[in-house]
Amino acid sequence: MYKILEGLNKTSGILGSMVVGRDGIVIAADLNTGVEDETIGALAASITANIHKSLERIKSPDLKQITIEAENAKLFFCDAQVGILVVVTEPQVNIGLVRLEIKNSINRLNNQEAHC
């Protein structure tokens, strides 16, 4: 799992990534953001749980990705079988490239999980 995160972090503009359980517990992290892993993990779990509940209410329960754009960074929270893939990027990142690399990383994570 760490190798997948390390590979993802080599993408231009990505500052770090991590996998978080749906309960907010950090499973694996390779972050260089200066913010504690546990803080981002709790944030990711809370936000995705609330949005998932809202989507269920409108009969659209399949959450794929949440993107938050802040002044100093972009945060991507993505559903994976093992948990939530969190990616932190620079604010002016190429979103298309990041989404492609996230998709590839989720496929690798899901395949890794299937072989365990």
C-alpha atoms as a PDB file:
ATOM      1  CA  MET A   1       0.000   0.000   0.000  1.00  0.00           C
ATOM      2  CA  TYR A   2       2.840   2.387   0.841  1.00  0.00           C
ATOM      3  CA  LYS A   3       4.387   1.807  -2.594  1.00  0.00           C
ATOM      4  CA  ILE A   4       1.105   2.800  -4.249  1.00  0.00           C
ATOM      5  CA  LEU A   5       0.976   6.025  -2.220  1.00  0.00           C
ATOM      6  CA  GLU A   6       4.641   6.720  -2.928  1.00  0.00           C
ATOM      7  CA  GLY A   7       4.037   6.273  -6.662  1.00  0.00           C
ATOM      8  CA  LEU A   8       0.982   8.533  -6.560  1.00  0.00           C
ATOM      9  CA  ASN A   9       2.971  11.225  -4.765  1.00  0.00           C
ATOM     10  CA  LYS A  10       5.452  11.377  -7.649  1.00  0.00           C
ATOM     11  CA  THR A  11       2.742  13.017  -9.756  1.00  0.00           C
ATOM     12  CA  SER A  12       3.410  16.699 -10.359  1.00  0.00           C
ATOM     13  CA  GLY A  13       1.478  18.859  -7.901  1.00  0.00           C
ATOM     14  CA  ILE A  14       0.609  16.118  -5.415  1.00  0.00           C
ATOM     15  CA  LEU A  15       1.882  16.936  -1.921  1.00  0.00           C
ATOM     16  CA  GLY A  16       0.879  13.699  -0.222  1.00  0.00           C
ATOM     17  CA  SER A  17      -1.644  10.907   0.050  1.00  0.00           C
ATOM     18  CA  MET A  18      -3.058   8.492   2.565  1.00  0.00           C
ATOM     19  CA  VAL A  19      -5.602   5.720   3.039  1.00  0.00           C
ATOM     20  CA  VAL A  20      -8.060   6.157   5.885  1.00  0.00           C
ATOM     21  CA  GLY A  21     -10.635   3.752   7.253  1.00  0.00           C
ATOM     22  CA  ARG A  22     -14.245   4.868   7.204  1.00  0.00           C
ATOM     23  CA  ASP A  23     -13.882   5.413  10.947  1.00  0.00           C
ATOM     24  CA  GLY A  24     -11.085   7.957  10.415  1.00  0.00           C
ATOM     25  CA  ILE A  25      -8.240   5.676  11.497  1.00  0.00           C
ATOM     26  CA  VAL A  26      -5.146   6.128   9.322  1.00  0.00           C
ATOM     27  CA  ILE A  27      -4.275   2.872   7.527  1.00  0.00           C
ATOM     28  CA  ALA A  28      -1.273   4.161   5.559  1.00  0.00           C
ATOM     29  CA  ALA A  29       0.095   7.646   4.981  1.00  0.00           C
ATOM     30  CA  ASP A  30       2.749   9.387   2.925  1.00  0.00           C
ATOM     31  CA  LEU A  31       1.969  13.041   3.665  1.00  0.00           C
ATOM     32  CA  ASN A  32       4.362  15.957   3.613  1.00  0.00           C
ATOM     33  CA  THR A  33       1.796  18.643   4.369  1.00  0.00           C
ATOM     34  CA  GLY A  34       2.714  19.739   7.880  1.00  0.00           C
ATOM     35  CA  VAL A  35      -0.758  18.741   9.123  1.00  0.00           C
ATOM     36  CA  GLU A  36      -1.114  15.693  11.368  1.00  0.00           C
ATOM     37  CA  ASP A  37      -2.245  12.543   9.563  1.00  0.00           C
ATOM     38  CA  GLU A  38      -4.930  11.886  12.179  1.00  0.00           C
ATOM     39  CA  THR A  39      -6.485  15.319  11.647  1.00  0.00           C
ATOM     40  CA  ILE A  40      -6.848  14.799   7.908  1.00  0.00           C
ATOM     41  CA  GLY A  41      -8.087  11.248   8.484  1.00  0.00           C
ATOM     42  CA  ALA A  42     -10.829  12.411  10.842  1.00  0.00           C
ATOM     43  CA  LEU A  43     -11.799  15.197   8.438  1.00  0.00           C
ATOM     44  CA  ALA A  44     -12.017  12.763   5.503  1.00  0.00           C
ATOM     45  CA  ALA A  45     -14.158  10.263   7.434  1.00  0.00           C
ATOM     46  CA  SER A  46     -16.516  12.946   8.743  1.00  0.00           C
ATOM     47  CA  ILE A  47     -17.028  14.671   5.398  1.00  0.00           C
ATOM     48  CA  THR A  48     -17.491  11.480   3.388  1.00  0.00           C
ATOM     49  CA  ALA A  49     -19.939  10.034   5.941  1.00  0.00           C
ATOM     50  CA  ASN A  50     -22.075  13.189   5.872  1.00  0.00           C
ATOM     51  CA  ILE A  51     -22.092  13.419   2.089  1.00  0.00           C
ATOM     52  CA  HIS A  52     -22.835   9.699   1.759  1.00  0.00           C
ATOM     53  CA  LYS A  53     -25.895  10.115   4.022  1.00  0.00           C
ATOM     54  CA  SER A  54     -27.054  13.083   1.964  1.00  0.00           C
ATOM     55  CA  LEU A  55     -26.640  11.148  -1.278  1.00  0.00           C
ATOM     56  CA  GLU A  56     -28.689   8.263   0.135  1.00  0.00           C
ATOM     57  CA  ARG A  57     -31.530  10.696   0.836  1.00  0.00           C
ATOM     58  CA  ILE A  58     -31.656  11.690  -2.811  1.00  0.00           C
ATOM     59  CA  LYS A  59     -31.374   8.057  -3.950  1.00  0.00           C
ATOM     60  CA  SER A  60     -27.824   8.426  -5.307  1.00  0.00           C
ATOM     61  CA  PRO A  61     -25.744   6.396  -2.840  1.00  0.00           C
ATOM     62  CA  ASP A  62     -22.625   5.802  -4.962  1.00  0.00           C
ATOM     63  CA  LEU A  63     -20.039   8.269  -3.694  1.00  0.00           C
ATOM     64  CA  LYS A  64     -16.970   8.298  -5.906  1.00  0.00           C
ATOM     65  CA  GLN A  65     -15.012  11.445  -5.137  1.00  0.00           C
ATOM     66  CA  ILE A  66     -15.187  14.681  -3.164  1.00  0.00           C
ATOM     67  CA  THR A  67     -12.956  17.602  -4.084  1.00  0.00           C
ATOM     68  CA  ILE A  68     -12.361  20.507  -1.722  1.00  0.00           C
ATOM     69  CA  GLU A  69     -10.629  23.592  -3.025  1.00  0.00           C
ATOM     70  CA  ALA A  70      -8.977  25.753  -0.386  1.00  0.00           C
ATOM     71  CA  GLU A  71      -6.674  28.732  -0.735  1.00  0.00           C
ATOM     72  CA  ASN A  72      -3.465  26.756  -0.159  1.00  0.00           C
ATOM     73  CA  ALA A  73      -4.398  23.263  -1.365  1.00  0.00           C
ATOM     74  CA  LYS A  74      -6.916  20.946  -2.954  1.00  0.00           C
ATOM     75  CA  LEU A  75      -8.119  17.845  -1.128  1.00  0.00           C
ATOM     76  CA  PHE A  76      -9.488  14.795  -2.925  1.00  0.00           C
ATOM     77  CA  PHE A  77     -11.420  12.173  -0.917  1.00  0.00           C
ATOM     78  CA  CYS A  78     -12.035   9.054  -3.010  1.00  0.00           C
ATOM     79  CA  ASP A  79     -13.880   5.837  -2.245  1.00  0.00           C
ATOM     80  CA  ALA A  80     -11.796   2.642  -2.388  1.00  0.00           C
ATOM     81  CA  GLN A  81     -12.589  -0.868  -1.149  1.00  0.00           C
ATOM     82  CA  VAL A  82     -10.091  -0.607   1.686  1.00  0.00           C
ATOM     83  CA  GLY A  83     -11.301   2.844   2.811  1.00  0.00           C
ATOM     84  CA  ILE A  84     -10.908   6.433   1.676  1.00  0.00           C
ATOM     85  CA  LEU A  85      -7.991   7.526  -0.487  1.00  0.00           C
ATOM     86  CA  VAL A  86      -7.039  11.080   0.465  1.00  0.00           C
ATOM     87  CA  VAL A  87      -4.852  13.139  -1.864  1.00  0.00           C
ATOM     88  CA  VAL A  88      -3.540  16.617  -1.018  1.00  0.00           C
ATOM     89  CA  THR A  89      -2.323  18.790  -3.891  1.00  0.00           C
ATOM     90  CA  GLU A  90      -1.043  22.247  -4.667  1.00  0.00           C
ATOM     91  CA  PRO A  91      -3.854  24.730  -5.385  1.00  0.00           C
ATOM     92  CA  GLN A  92      -2.998  25.141  -9.092  1.00  0.00           C
ATOM     93  CA  VAL A  93      -2.616  21.432  -9.891  1.00  0.00           C
ATOM     94  CA  ASN A  94      -3.687  19.822 -13.181  1.00  0.00           C
ATOM     95  CA  ILE A  95      -6.953  18.270 -11.952  1.00  0.00           C
ATOM     96  CA  GLY A  96      -7.324  15.970 -14.952  1.00  0.00           C
ATOM     97  CA  LEU A  97      -3.903  14.429 -14.359  1.00  0.00           C
ATOM     98  CA  VAL A  98      -4.558  14.063 -10.640  1.00  0.00           C
ATOM     99  CA  ARG A  99      -7.915  12.359 -11.227  1.00  0.00           C
ATOM    100  CA  LEU A 100      -6.322   9.935 -13.705  1.00  0.00           C
ATOM    101  CA  GLU A 101      -3.562   9.053 -11.237  1.00  0.00           C
ATOM    102  CA  ILE A 102      -6.115   8.685  -8.428  1.00  0.00           C
ATOM    103  CA  LYS A 103      -8.182   6.315 -10.579  1.00  0.00           C
ATOM    104  CA  ASN A 104      -5.091   4.214 -11.353  1.00  0.00           C
ATOM    105  CA  SER A 105      -4.077   4.157  -7.684  1.00  0.00           C
ATOM    106  CA  ILE A 106      -7.562   3.087  -6.566  1.00  0.00           C
ATOM    107  CA  ASN A 107      -7.463   0.230  -9.083  1.00  0.00           C
ATOM    108  CA  ARG A 108      -4.089  -0.856  -7.653  1.00  0.00           C
ATOM    109  CA  LEU A 109      -5.377  -0.588  -4.073  1.00  0.00           C
ATOM    110  CA  ASN A 110      -8.508  -2.578  -4.906  1.00  0.00           C
ATOM    111  CA  ASN A 111      -6.490  -5.271  -6.715  1.00  0.00           C
ATOM    112  CA  GLN A 112      -4.065  -5.468  -3.794  1.00  0.00           C
ATOM    113  CA  GLU A 113      -6.978  -5.856  -1.370  1.00  0.00           C
ATOM    114  CA  ALA A 114      -8.519  -8.614  -3.511  1.00  0.00           C
ATOM    115  CA  HIS A 115      -5.290 -10.626  -3.336  1.00  0.00           C
ATOM    116  CA  CYS A 116      -5.016 -10.463   0.467  1.00  0.00           C
END
